[in-house]
Amino acid sequence: MKKRISVFVCLAFFSLACLGSAALDAPAVDDIVEASPTLGFVKVIEVPAVVVPTATDEPRGLCAVVVAAESLHLRRGPSADDIVLIWLRRGDVVEVLDRLDPDWWRVGFEGVSGYARSVFLEVSDCEVSNE
């Protein structure tokens, strides 16, 4: 029984220490709190910010040509299960909007943007004519 009470007191102290640290120090969003319930202290560790690439990281004017055997689906999302928006024919030139996912590139064609499998696209000059 005495051991249970001491564990409860330790956990209560730990909870209060966490709340007190957050209220007084107000750590930034990128900080991580490392706690030691056995020692009864809270230590704040700063973590470097992670750079998340965005669609704007893609160079403007990058195009790709469809190299699929006959046609390629332009889908609403990056999955073979997503809805097909339009069909792209072999030789169609699309604007590459982002390549964050190595398997599915977000591309635009005639005012429609969606996702296409990257294995069926080849980066090319934007002035390639249809075959």
C-alpha atoms as a PDB file:
ATOM      1  CA  MET A   1       0.000   0.000   0.000  1.00  0.00           C
ATOM      2  CA  LYS A   2       2.839   2.374   0.865  1.00  0.00           C
ATOM      3  CA  LYS A   3       4.448   1.710  -2.540  1.00  0.00           C
ATOM      4  CA  ARG A   4       1.175   2.546  -4.340  1.00  0.00           C
ATOM      5  CA  ILE A   5       0.880   5.831  -2.477  1.00  0.00           C
ATOM      6  CA  SER A   6       4.461   6.788  -3.309  1.00  0.00           C
ATOM      7  CA  VAL A   7       3.876   5.957  -7.003  1.00  0.00           C
ATOM      8  CA  PHE A   8       0.703   8.048  -6.955  1.00  0.00           C
ATOM      9  CA  VAL A   9       2.514  10.970  -5.297  1.00  0.00           C
ATOM     10  CA  CYS A  10       5.355  10.678  -7.821  1.00  0.00           C
ATOM     11  CA  LEU A  11       2.901  10.720 -10.750  1.00  0.00           C
ATOM     12  CA  ALA A  12       1.009  13.661  -9.257  1.00  0.00           C
ATOM     13  CA  PHE A  13       4.264  15.578  -8.795  1.00  0.00           C
ATOM     14  CA  PHE A  14       5.291  14.745 -12.353  1.00  0.00           C
ATOM     15  CA  SER A  15       1.934  15.978 -13.701  1.00  0.00           C
ATOM     16  CA  LEU A  16       2.227  19.233 -11.775  1.00  0.00           C
ATOM     17  CA  ALA A  17       5.814  19.672 -12.926  1.00  0.00           C
ATOM     18  CA  CYS A  18       4.715  19.303 -16.550  1.00  0.00           C
ATOM     19  CA  LEU A  19       1.896  21.787 -16.137  1.00  0.00           C
ATOM     20  CA  GLY A  20       4.110  24.253 -14.281  1.00  0.00           C
ATOM     21  CA  SER A  21       6.837  24.033 -16.890  1.00  0.00           C
ATOM     22  CA  ALA A  22       4.405  24.613 -19.741  1.00  0.00           C
ATOM     23  CA  ALA A  23       2.766  27.578 -18.004  1.00  0.00           C
ATOM     24  CA  LEU A  24       5.967  29.288 -16.844  1.00  0.00           C
ATOM     25  CA  ASP A  25       8.390  28.594 -19.677  1.00  0.00           C
ATOM     26  CA  ALA A  26       5.833  28.457 -22.515  1.00  0.00           C
ATOM     27  CA  PRO A  27       8.050  26.316 -24.776  1.00  0.00           C
ATOM     28  CA  ALA A  28       7.773  26.875 -28.513  1.00  0.00           C
ATOM     29  CA  VAL A  29       5.899  24.457 -30.753  1.00  0.00           C
ATOM     30  CA  ASP A  30       9.175  22.916 -31.959  1.00  0.00           C
ATOM     31  CA  ASP A  31      10.292  22.076 -28.407  1.00  0.00           C
ATOM     32  CA  ILE A  32       9.985  18.592 -26.941  1.00  0.00           C
ATOM     33  CA  VAL A  33       9.543  17.895 -23.266  1.00  0.00           C
ATOM     34  CA  GLU A  34      11.651  15.034 -21.930  1.00  0.00           C
ATOM     35  CA  ALA A  35      10.521  13.790 -18.530  1.00  0.00           C
ATOM     36  CA  SER A  36      12.001  11.536 -15.896  1.00  0.00           C
ATOM     37  CA  PRO A  37       9.350  10.339 -13.414  1.00  0.00           C
ATOM     38  CA  THR A  38      11.992   8.621 -11.266  1.00  0.00           C
ATOM     39  CA  LEU A  39      14.045  11.780 -10.813  1.00  0.00           C
ATOM     40  CA  GLY A  40      11.044  14.144 -10.733  1.00  0.00           C
ATOM     41  CA  PHE A  41      12.198  16.770 -13.209  1.00  0.00           C
ATOM     42  CA  VAL A  42      11.234  18.041 -16.638  1.00  0.00           C
ATOM     43  CA  LYS A  43      13.814  19.060 -19.236  1.00  0.00           C
ATOM     44  CA  VAL A  44      12.937  21.046 -22.370  1.00  0.00           C
ATOM     45  CA  ILE A  45      14.978  20.147 -25.443  1.00  0.00           C
ATOM     46  CA  GLU A  46      15.029  22.382 -28.521  1.00  0.00           C
ATOM     47  CA  VAL A  47      14.598  20.556 -31.821  1.00  0.00           C
ATOM     48  CA  PRO A  48      15.693  22.128 -35.111  1.00  0.00           C
ATOM     49  CA  ALA A  49      12.851  23.071 -37.436  1.00  0.00           C
ATOM     50  CA  VAL A  50      12.083  20.640 -40.233  1.00  0.00           C
ATOM     51  CA  VAL A  51      11.796  22.116 -43.713  1.00  0.00           C
ATOM     52  CA  VAL A  52       8.741  20.694 -45.430  1.00  0.00           C
ATOM     53  CA  PRO A  53       8.846  21.042 -49.209  1.00  0.00           C
ATOM     54  CA  THR A  54       5.823  22.659 -50.796  1.00  0.00           C
ATOM     55  CA  ALA A  55       4.389  22.755 -54.266  1.00  0.00           C
ATOM     56  CA  THR A  56       6.021  26.157 -54.769  1.00  0.00           C
ATOM     57  CA  ASP A  57       9.458  24.498 -54.515  1.00  0.00           C
ATOM     58  CA  GLU A  58       8.979  23.072 -58.029  1.00  0.00           C
ATOM     59  CA  PRO A  59      10.635  25.202 -60.711  1.00  0.00           C
ATOM     60  CA  ARG A  60       8.163  27.028 -62.942  1.00  0.00           C
ATOM     61  CA  GLY A  61       7.859  25.890 -66.536  1.00  0.00           C
ATOM     62  CA  LEU A  62       8.747  22.251 -65.850  1.00  0.00           C
ATOM     63  CA  CYS A  63       6.891  19.929 -68.191  1.00  0.00           C
ATOM     64  CA  ALA A  64       6.646  16.220 -68.858  1.00  0.00           C
ATOM     65  CA  VAL A  65       5.498  14.164 -71.778  1.00  0.00           C
ATOM     66  CA  VAL A  66       3.239  11.118 -71.396  1.00  0.00           C
ATOM     67  CA  VAL A  67       5.213   8.004 -72.365  1.00  0.00           C
ATOM     68  CA  ALA A  68       2.547   5.407 -71.515  1.00  0.00           C
ATOM     69  CA  ALA A  69       1.875   2.802 -74.196  1.00  0.00           C
ATOM     70  CA  GLU A  70      -1.515   4.270 -75.120  1.00  0.00           C
ATOM     71  CA  SER A  71      -3.043   6.473 -72.421  1.00  0.00           C
ATOM     72  CA  LEU A  72      -2.680   7.535 -68.816  1.00  0.00           C
ATOM     73  CA  HIS A  73      -5.291   8.375 -66.179  1.00  0.00           C
ATOM     74  CA  LEU A  74      -5.146  11.793 -64.550  1.00  0.00           C
ATOM     75  CA  ARG A  75      -6.592  11.121 -61.095  1.00  0.00           C
ATOM     76  CA  ARG A  76      -8.043  13.324 -58.368  1.00  0.00           C
ATOM     77  CA  GLY A  77      -5.560  12.001 -55.759  1.00  0.00           C
ATOM     78  CA  PRO A  78      -2.277  10.077 -55.621  1.00  0.00           C
ATOM     79  CA  SER A  79      -3.781   6.584 -55.692  1.00  0.00           C
ATOM     80  CA  ALA A  80      -4.889   4.043 -58.267  1.00  0.00           C
ATOM     81  CA  ASP A  81      -8.206   3.943 -56.389  1.00  0.00           C
ATOM     82  CA  ASP A  82      -8.904   7.662 -56.858  1.00  0.00           C
ATOM     83  CA  ILE A  83     -11.400   9.032 -59.364  1.00  0.00           C
ATOM     84  CA  VAL A  84     -10.188   9.426 -62.953  1.00  0.00           C
ATOM     85  CA  LEU A  85     -10.554  13.054 -64.043  1.00  0.00           C
ATOM     86  CA  ILE A  86      -9.412  12.741 -67.669  1.00  0.00           C
ATOM     87  CA  TRP A  87      -7.354  10.476 -69.883  1.00  0.00           C
ATOM     88  CA  LEU A  88      -3.995  11.639 -71.196  1.00  0.00           C
ATOM     89  CA  ARG A  89      -2.772  10.280 -74.527  1.00  0.00           C
ATOM     90  CA  ARG A  90       0.774   9.199 -75.329  1.00  0.00           C
ATOM     91  CA  GLY A  91       2.716  12.307 -76.357  1.00  0.00           C
ATOM     92  CA  ASP A  92       0.553  14.796 -74.414  1.00  0.00           C
ATOM     93  CA  VAL A  93       2.662  17.451 -72.692  1.00  0.00           C
ATOM     94  CA  VAL A  94       1.632  18.244 -69.114  1.00  0.00           C
ATOM     95  CA  GLU A  95       2.839  20.927 -66.717  1.00  0.00           C
ATOM     96  CA  VAL A  96       4.509  19.417 -63.634  1.00  0.00           C
ATOM     97  CA  LEU A  97       3.092  21.149 -60.546  1.00  0.00           C
ATOM     98  CA  ASP A  98       4.966  19.100 -57.934  1.00  0.00           C
ATOM     99  CA  ARG A  99       6.989  15.918 -57.565  1.00  0.00           C
ATOM    100  CA  LEU A 100       6.895  15.556 -53.781  1.00  0.00           C
ATOM    101  CA  ASP A 101       5.716  11.954 -54.085  1.00  0.00           C
ATOM    102  CA  PRO A 102       8.193  10.011 -56.226  1.00  0.00           C
ATOM    103  CA  ASP A 103       5.439   7.667 -57.493  1.00  0.00           C
ATOM    104  CA  TRP A 104       2.683  10.213 -58.181  1.00  0.00           C
ATOM    105  CA  TRP A 105       3.326  13.645 -59.698  1.00  0.00           C
ATOM    106  CA  ARG A 106       0.747  16.421 -59.552  1.00  0.00           C
ATOM    107  CA  VAL A 107       0.360  17.738 -63.093  1.00  0.00           C
ATOM    108  CA  GLY A 108      -1.863  20.113 -65.021  1.00  0.00           C
ATOM    109  CA  PHE A 109      -3.324  19.597 -68.484  1.00  0.00           C
ATOM    110  CA  GLU A 110      -5.785  21.906 -70.280  1.00  0.00           C
ATOM    111  CA  GLY A 111      -6.985  23.529 -67.041  1.00  0.00           C
ATOM    112  CA  VAL A 112      -7.345  20.259 -65.115  1.00  0.00           C
ATOM    113  CA  SER A 113      -4.873  19.382 -62.360  1.00  0.00           C
ATOM    114  CA  GLY A 114      -4.510  15.969 -60.826  1.00  0.00           C
ATOM    115  CA  TYR A 115      -2.116  13.121 -60.164  1.00  0.00           C
ATOM    116  CA  ALA A 116      -0.453  10.772 -62.637  1.00  0.00           C
ATOM    117  CA  ARG A 117       1.962   7.878 -62.155  1.00  0.00           C
ATOM    118  CA  SER A 118       5.492   9.209 -62.581  1.00  0.00           C
ATOM    119  CA  VAL A 119       6.733   6.059 -64.341  1.00  0.00           C
ATOM    120  CA  PHE A 120       4.581   7.053 -67.332  1.00  0.00           C
ATOM    121  CA  LEU A 121       5.909  10.620 -67.453  1.00  0.00           C
ATOM    122  CA  GLU A 122       9.241  11.862 -68.735  1.00  0.00           C
ATOM    123  CA  VAL A 123      10.518  15.360 -67.933  1.00  0.00           C
ATOM    124  CA  SER A 124      10.857  17.259 -71.204  1.00  0.00           C
ATOM    125  CA  ASP A 125      10.814  20.607 -72.927  1.00  0.00           C
ATOM    126  CA  CYS A 126       7.417  22.295 -72.731  1.00  0.00           C
ATOM    127  CA  GLU A 127       7.366  22.721 -76.516  1.00  0.00           C
ATOM    128  CA  VAL A 128       7.311  18.986 -77.423  1.00  0.00           C
ATOM    129  CA  SER A 129       4.728  18.263 -80.102  1.00  0.00           C
ATOM    130  CA  ASN A 130       2.261  15.380 -79.898  1.00  0.00           C
ATOM    131  CA  GLU A 131       3.198  12.176 -81.710  1.00  0.00           C
END
